[in-house]
C-alpha atoms as a PDB file:
ATOM      1  CA  PHE A   1      27.117   2.652 -15.236  1.00  0.00           C
ATOM      2  CA  ALA A   2      29.558   0.489 -16.598  1.00  0.00           C
ATOM      3  CA  CYS A   3      32.166   3.231 -15.367  1.00  0.00           C
ATOM      4  CA  LEU A   4      31.205   2.585 -11.570  1.00  0.00           C
ATOM      5  CA  PRO A   5      31.735  -1.237 -11.415  1.00  0.00           C
ATOM      6  CA  ALA A   6      32.090  -0.688  -7.485  1.00  0.00           C
ATOM      7  CA  LEU A   7      28.689   1.121  -7.137  1.00  0.00           C
ATOM      8  CA  ARG A   8      26.364   0.040  -4.306  1.00  0.00           C
ATOM      9  CA  PHE A   9      23.458   2.261  -3.597  1.00  0.00           C
ATOM     10  CA  LEU A  10      21.851   3.979  -6.958  1.00  0.00           C
ATOM     11  CA  ASN A  11      19.277   6.746  -6.014  1.00  0.00           C
ATOM     12  CA  LEU A  12      16.936   7.657  -9.077  1.00  0.00           C
ATOM     13  CA  SER A  13      14.048   8.549  -6.840  1.00  0.00           C
ATOM     14  CA  GLY A  14      11.966  11.785  -8.189  1.00  0.00           C
ATOM     15  CA  THR A  15      14.010  11.998 -11.522  1.00  0.00           C
ATOM     16  CA  ALA A  16      11.865  11.924 -14.833  1.00  0.00           C
ATOM     17  CA  LEU A  17      12.712   8.614 -15.636  1.00  0.00           C
ATOM     18  CA  GLY A  18       9.993   7.034 -18.186  1.00  0.00           C
ATOM     19  CA  ARG A  19       8.117  10.210 -18.443  1.00  0.00           C
ATOM     20  CA  ASP A  20       8.099   9.729 -21.992  1.00  0.00           C
ATOM     21  CA  LEU A  21       6.203   6.690 -23.127  1.00  0.00           C
ATOM     22  CA  GLY A  22       8.444   3.990 -24.019  1.00  0.00           C
ATOM     23  CA  ALA A  23      11.442   5.594 -22.382  1.00  0.00           C
ATOM     24  CA  GLY A  24      12.888   3.960 -18.993  1.00  0.00           C
ATOM     25  CA  ILE A  25      15.621   2.239 -18.156  1.00  0.00           C
ATOM     26  CA  ALA A  26      17.409   0.289 -21.496  1.00  0.00           C
ATOM     27  CA  ASP A  27      18.047  -3.236 -21.336  1.00  0.00           C
ATOM     28  CA  GLY A  28      21.729  -4.013 -20.531  1.00  0.00           C
ATOM     29  CA  ALA A  29      21.940  -0.587 -18.749  1.00  0.00           C
ATOM     30  CA  PHE A  30      23.456  -2.256 -15.537  1.00  0.00           C
ATOM     31  CA  ALA A  31      25.767  -4.691 -17.494  1.00  0.00           C
ATOM     32  CA  GLY A  32      28.649  -4.431 -16.122  1.00  0.00           C
ATOM     33  CA  ALA A  33      28.319  -2.332 -13.173  1.00  0.00           C
ATOM     34  CA  GLY A  34      24.920  -3.484 -11.849  1.00  0.00           C
ATOM     35  CA  GLY A  35      27.483  -6.300 -10.149  1.00  0.00           C
ATOM     36  CA  ALA A  36      27.448  -4.656  -7.134  1.00  0.00           C
ATOM     37  CA  LEU A  37      24.402  -2.638  -6.640  1.00  0.00           C
ATOM     38  CA  GLU A  38      22.935  -3.238  -3.529  1.00  0.00           C
ATOM     39  CA  VAL A  39      20.273  -1.039  -3.372  1.00  0.00           C
ATOM     40  CA  LEU A  40      18.024   0.835  -6.081  1.00  0.00           C
ATOM     41  CA  ASP A  41      15.206   3.438  -5.469  1.00  0.00           C
ATOM     42  CA  LEU A  42      13.224   4.365  -8.227  1.00  0.00           C
ATOM     43  CA  SER A  43      10.749   5.706  -6.517  1.00  0.00           C
ATOM     44  CA  GLY A  44       8.852   8.724  -7.828  1.00  0.00           C
ATOM     45  CA  THR A  45       9.645   7.799 -11.435  1.00  0.00           C
ATOM     46  CA  PHE A  46       7.183   7.182 -14.331  1.00  0.00           C
ATOM     47  CA  LEU A  47       8.366   3.682 -15.033  1.00  0.00           C
ATOM     48  CA  GLU A  48       5.437   1.173 -15.839  1.00  0.00           C
ATOM     49  CA  ARG A  49       7.397  -1.819 -15.022  1.00  0.00           C
ATOM     50  CA  VAL A  50      10.337  -3.330 -13.922  1.00  0.00           C
ATOM     51  CA  GLN A  51      11.714  -5.161 -16.997  1.00  0.00           C
ATOM     52  CA  SER A  52      13.463  -7.994 -17.213  1.00  0.00           C
ATOM     53  CA  GLY A  53      16.170  -6.903 -19.425  1.00  0.00           C
ATOM     54  CA  TRP A  54      17.761  -4.217 -17.045  1.00  0.00           C
ATOM     55  CA  ILE A  55      17.177  -6.220 -13.442  1.00  0.00           C
ATOM     56  CA  ARG A  56      18.959  -9.330 -14.464  1.00  0.00           C
ATOM     57  CA  ASP A  57      22.232  -7.408 -14.586  1.00  0.00           C
ATOM     58  CA  LEU A  58      21.286  -6.992 -10.476  1.00  0.00           C
ATOM     59  CA  PRO A  59      22.685 -10.204  -8.903  1.00  0.00           C
ATOM     60  CA  LYS A  60      23.404  -8.825  -5.744  1.00  0.00           C
ATOM     61  CA  LEU A  61      20.325  -6.346  -5.587  1.00  0.00           C
ATOM     62  CA  THR A  62      19.074  -6.636  -1.467  1.00  0.00           C
ATOM     63  CA  SER A  63      16.392  -3.698  -1.946  1.00  0.00           C
ATOM     64  CA  LEU A  64      14.366  -2.212  -4.259  1.00  0.00           C
ATOM     65  CA  HIS A  65      12.332   0.898  -3.879  1.00  0.00           C
ATOM     66  CA  LEU A  66       9.407   1.588  -6.225  1.00  0.00           C
ATOM     67  CA  ARG A  67       7.603   4.107  -3.739  1.00  0.00           C
ATOM     68  CA  LYS A  68       4.946   6.491  -5.077  1.00  0.00           C
ATOM     69  CA  MET A  69       4.964   5.214  -8.800  1.00  0.00           C
ATOM     70  CA  PRO A  70       2.263   6.142 -10.775  1.00  0.00           C
ATOM     71  CA  ARG A  71       2.550   4.254 -13.765  1.00  0.00           C
ATOM     72  CA  LEU A  72       3.759   1.204 -12.383  1.00  0.00           C
ATOM     73  CA  ARG A  73       0.327  -1.100 -12.984  1.00  0.00           C
ATOM     74  CA  THR A  74       1.954  -4.534 -12.675  1.00  0.00           C
ATOM     75  CA  LEU A  75       4.939  -7.159 -11.160  1.00  0.00           C
ATOM     76  CA  GLU A  76       4.790  -9.602 -13.585  1.00  0.00           C
ATOM     77  CA  ALA A  77       6.221 -12.983 -13.272  1.00  0.00           C
ATOM     78  CA  ALA A  78       9.954 -13.923 -13.489  1.00  0.00           C
ATOM     79  CA  ILE A  79      11.112 -10.387 -13.103  1.00  0.00           C
ATOM     80  CA  PHE A  80      13.505 -11.403 -10.052  1.00  0.00           C
ATOM     81  CA  LYS A  81      14.749 -14.658 -11.317  1.00  0.00           C
ATOM     82  CA  MET A  82      18.213 -12.913 -11.357  1.00  0.00           C
ATOM     83  CA  THR A  83      17.927 -11.390  -8.265  1.00  0.00           C
ATOM     84  CA  PRO A  84      18.025 -14.202  -5.551  1.00  0.00           C
ATOM     85  CA  ASN A  85      19.555 -12.116  -2.917  1.00  0.00           C
ATOM     86  CA  LEU A  86      16.455  -9.401  -3.053  1.00  0.00           C
ATOM     87  CA  GLN A  87      15.763  -8.759   0.714  1.00  0.00           C
ATOM     88  CA  GLN A  88      13.233  -5.987   0.457  1.00  0.00           C
ATOM     89  CA  LEU A  89      10.543  -4.844  -1.536  1.00  0.00           C
ATOM     90  CA  ASP A  90       8.965  -1.336  -1.327  1.00  0.00           C
ATOM     91  CA  CYS A  91       6.072  -0.270  -3.634  1.00  0.00           C
ATOM     92  CA  GLN A  92       4.206   1.426  -1.109  1.00  0.00           C
ATOM     93  CA  ASP A  93       1.806   4.497  -2.206  1.00  0.00           C
ATOM     94  CA  SER A  94       2.066   3.368  -5.836  1.00  0.00           C
ATOM     95  CA  SER A  95      -1.849   3.889  -6.333  1.00  0.00           C
ATOM     96  CA  ALA A  96      -1.676   2.458 -10.343  1.00  0.00           C
ATOM     97  CA  LEU A  97      -0.269  -0.961  -8.908  1.00  0.00           C
ATOM     98  CA  THR A  98      -3.365  -3.305  -9.516  1.00  0.00           C
ATOM     99  CA  SER A  99      -1.360  -6.522  -9.960  1.00  0.00           C
ATOM    100  CA  VAL A 100       1.314  -8.747  -8.181  1.00  0.00           C
ATOM    101  CA  HIS A 101       1.875 -12.128 -10.088  1.00  0.00           C
ATOM    102  CA  THR A 102       3.060 -13.305  -6.444  1.00  0.00           C
ATOM    103  CA  GLN A 103       4.840 -16.929  -7.779  1.00  0.00           C
ATOM    104  CA  LEU A 104       7.277 -14.450  -8.679  1.00  0.00           C
ATOM    105  CA  PHE A 105       8.779 -13.922  -5.041  1.00  0.00           C
ATOM    106  CA  GLN A 106       9.226 -18.268  -5.315  1.00  0.00           C
ATOM    107  CA  ASP A 107      12.643 -16.947  -6.858  1.00  0.00           C
ATOM    108  CA  THR A 108      13.538 -14.580  -3.735  1.00  0.00           C
ATOM    109  CA  PRO A 109      14.755 -17.292  -1.369  1.00  0.00           C
ATOM    110  CA  ARG A 110      16.071 -14.272   1.123  1.00  0.00           C
ATOM    111  CA  LEU A 111      12.896 -12.015   0.810  1.00  0.00           C
ATOM    112  CA  GLN A 112      11.742 -10.461   4.213  1.00  0.00           C
ATOM    113  CA  VAL A 113       9.940  -7.405   3.282  1.00  0.00           C
ATOM    114  CA  LEU A 114       7.205  -6.472   0.979  1.00  0.00           C
ATOM    115  CA  LEU A 115       5.411  -2.997   1.502  1.00  0.00           C
ATOM    116  CA  PHE A 116       2.477  -2.378  -0.912  1.00  0.00           C
ATOM    117  CA  GLN A 117       0.390  -0.343   1.510  1.00  0.00           C
ATOM    118  CA  ASN A 118      -1.661   2.039  -0.376  1.00  0.00           C
ATOM    119  CA  CYS A 119      -1.280   0.457  -3.235  1.00  0.00           C
ATOM    120  CA  ASN A 120      -4.603  -0.431  -5.459  1.00  0.00           C
ATOM    121  CA  LEU A 121      -4.487  -4.653  -4.877  1.00  0.00           C
ATOM    122  CA  SER A 122      -7.575  -6.527  -5.128  1.00  0.00           C
ATOM    123  CA  SER A 123      -5.977  -9.767  -4.401  1.00  0.00           C
ATOM    124  CA  PHE A 124      -2.596 -11.437  -2.720  1.00  0.00           C
ATOM    125  CA  PRO A 125      -2.610 -15.067  -3.918  1.00  0.00           C
ATOM    126  CA  PRO A 126      -0.465 -17.350  -1.946  1.00  0.00           C
ATOM    127  CA  TRP A 127       3.108 -18.588  -3.272  1.00  0.00           C
ATOM    128  CA  SER A 128       5.612 -21.515  -1.252  1.00  0.00           C
ATOM    129  CA  LEU A 129       7.783 -20.054   0.907  1.00  0.00           C
ATOM    130  CA  HIS A 130      11.585 -21.405   1.272  1.00  0.00           C
ATOM    131  CA  SER A 131      11.712 -23.538   4.321  1.00  0.00           C
ATOM    132  CA  SER A 132      14.034 -20.877   6.418  1.00  0.00           C
ATOM    133  CA  GLN A 133      12.125 -17.954   4.989  1.00  0.00           C
ATOM    134  CA  VAL A 134      10.170 -15.477   7.737  1.00  0.00           C
ATOM    135  CA  LEU A 135       8.366 -12.845   5.648  1.00  0.00           C
ATOM    136  CA  SER A 136       6.846  -9.283   6.745  1.00  0.00           C
ATOM    137  CA  ILE A 137       4.239  -8.377   4.176  1.00  0.00           C
ATOM    138  CA  SER A 138       2.214  -4.670   4.458  1.00  0.00           C
ATOM    139  CA  LEU A 139      -0.864  -4.961   2.752  1.00  0.00           C
ATOM    140  CA  PHE A 140      -3.291  -2.180   4.361  1.00  0.00           C
ATOM    141  CA  GLY A 141      -5.279   0.492   2.288  1.00  0.00           C
ATOM    142  CA  ASN A 142      -5.287  -1.793  -0.475  1.00  0.00           C
ATOM    143  CA  PRO A 143      -9.021  -2.665  -2.079  1.00  0.00           C
ATOM    144  CA  LEU A 144      -8.655  -6.417  -1.412  1.00  0.00           C
ATOM    145  CA  ILE A 145     -11.262  -8.731  -2.314  1.00  0.00           C
ATOM    146  CA  CYS A 146     -12.199 -11.195   0.404  1.00  0.00           C
ATOM    147  CA  SER A 147     -11.684 -14.514  -0.404  1.00  0.00           C
ATOM    148  CA  CYS A 148     -10.400 -17.892   1.363  1.00  0.00           C
ATOM    149  CA  GLU A 149      -7.296 -16.948  -0.702  1.00  0.00           C
ATOM    150  CA  LEU A 150      -6.398 -14.568   1.507  1.00  0.00           C
ATOM    151  CA  SER A 151      -6.457 -16.217   4.621  1.00  0.00           C
ATOM    152  CA  TRP A 152      -2.709 -17.741   4.038  1.00  0.00           C
ATOM    153  CA  LEU A 153      -1.461 -14.700   5.370  1.00  0.00           C
ATOM    154  CA  LEU A 154      -2.638 -15.487   8.924  1.00  0.00           C
ATOM    155  CA  ARG A 155      -1.933 -18.813   9.196  1.00  0.00           C
ATOM    156  CA  ASP A 156       1.005 -19.303  10.138  1.00  0.00           C
ATOM    157  CA  ALA A 157       2.628 -16.228  12.043  1.00  0.00           C
ATOM    158  CA  LYS A 158       6.107 -17.937  12.668  1.00  0.00           C
ATOM    159  CA  LYS A 159       6.618 -17.569   8.634  1.00  0.00           C
ATOM    160  CA  THR A 160       4.291 -14.838   7.652  1.00  0.00           C
ATOM    161  CA  VAL A 161       3.677 -11.511   9.680  1.00  0.00           C
ATOM    162  CA  LEU A 162       0.904  -9.314   8.094  1.00  0.00           C
ATOM    163  CA  SER A 163       1.593  -5.853   9.598  1.00  0.00           C
ATOM    164  CA  ARG A 164      -1.470  -3.454  10.769  1.00  0.00           C
ATOM    165  CA  ALA A 165      -3.451  -6.732  10.411  1.00  0.00           C
ATOM    166  CA  ALA A 166      -6.394  -5.553  12.053  1.00  0.00           C
ATOM    167  CA  ASP A 167      -5.916  -2.263   9.611  1.00  0.00           C
ATOM    168  CA  THR A 168      -5.751  -4.245   6.613  1.00  0.00           C
ATOM    169  CA  VAL A 169      -9.601  -5.003   5.479  1.00  0.00           C
ATOM    170  CA  CYS A 170     -11.100  -6.748   2.629  1.00  0.00           C
ATOM    171  CA  VAL A 171     -14.655  -6.018   0.660  1.00  0.00           C
ATOM    172  CA  PRO A 172     -17.040  -8.480  -0.796  1.00  0.00           C
ATOM    173  CA  ALA A 173     -16.896  -9.124  -4.429  1.00  0.00           C
ATOM    174  CA  SER A 174     -19.413  -7.174  -6.236  1.00  0.00           C
ATOM    175  CA  GLY A 175     -22.796  -9.457  -6.824  1.00  0.00           C
ATOM    176  CA  SER A 176     -21.572 -11.972  -3.998  1.00  0.00           C
ATOM    177  CA  GLN A 177     -23.986 -13.178  -1.516  1.00  0.00           C
ATOM    178  CA  ASP A 178     -21.558 -13.522   1.505  1.00  0.00           C
ATOM    179  CA  LEU A 179     -23.256 -12.910   4.910  1.00  0.00           C
ATOM    180  CA  PHE A 180     -21.863  -9.408   5.813  1.00  0.00           C
ATOM    181  CA  SER A 181     -21.649  -6.134   3.202  1.00  0.00           C
ATOM    182  CA  ALA A 182     -19.236  -4.375   5.235  1.00  0.00           C
ATOM    183  CA  PRO A 183     -15.355  -4.217   4.779  1.00  0.00           C
ATOM    184  CA  LEU A 184     -14.081  -6.790   6.975  1.00  0.00           C
ATOM    185  CA  SER A 185     -10.442  -6.784   8.753  1.00  0.00           C
ATOM    186  CA  LEU A 186      -8.431  -9.584   7.117  1.00  0.00           C
ATOM    187  CA  SER A 187      -8.276 -10.691  11.086  1.00  0.00           C
ATOM    188  CA  GLN A 188     -11.498 -11.699  10.722  1.00  0.00           C
ATOM    189  CA  LEU A 189     -11.321 -14.104   8.093  1.00  0.00           C
ATOM    190  CA  PRO A 190     -12.125 -17.603   8.811  1.00  0.00           C
END
């Protein structure tokens, strides 16, 4: 992409990117070209992870779309260290996504929207939001396990807005001795 230094929007959605195991986006693929890139859509591709080797060259990235990615299993710590302008991360309907190391969002002070509906997340731990940051999070359709850790999503409505809170449910941990056995809306958590 070095021959496109002014490229601001790149849509690679629905391509065979990552279909062959081990194939994906090469480290440095955006070197020289990624400096202007603001929106990257990788939805519907077969990538297994976001690699720091290529995302580090996207300092102006504001929006990353990772929707309907059948092999995306985790978002690991430190991948957004070099993308401080990220405002929106859309991972909805990526049903293999089971783990998000939420501390990675501490490196994104401008983050406004996280879309994780209909993934496969069982937890979503808190992290320190920047003082002026207001964040909208969508988690409905995930098999969240009820814990006090989830209560941060509802604690400060001026800082964190849980989209469709009444539709976002959690289930008791297997083998737990909780007072309830049916799914519970997060809005009912203590």
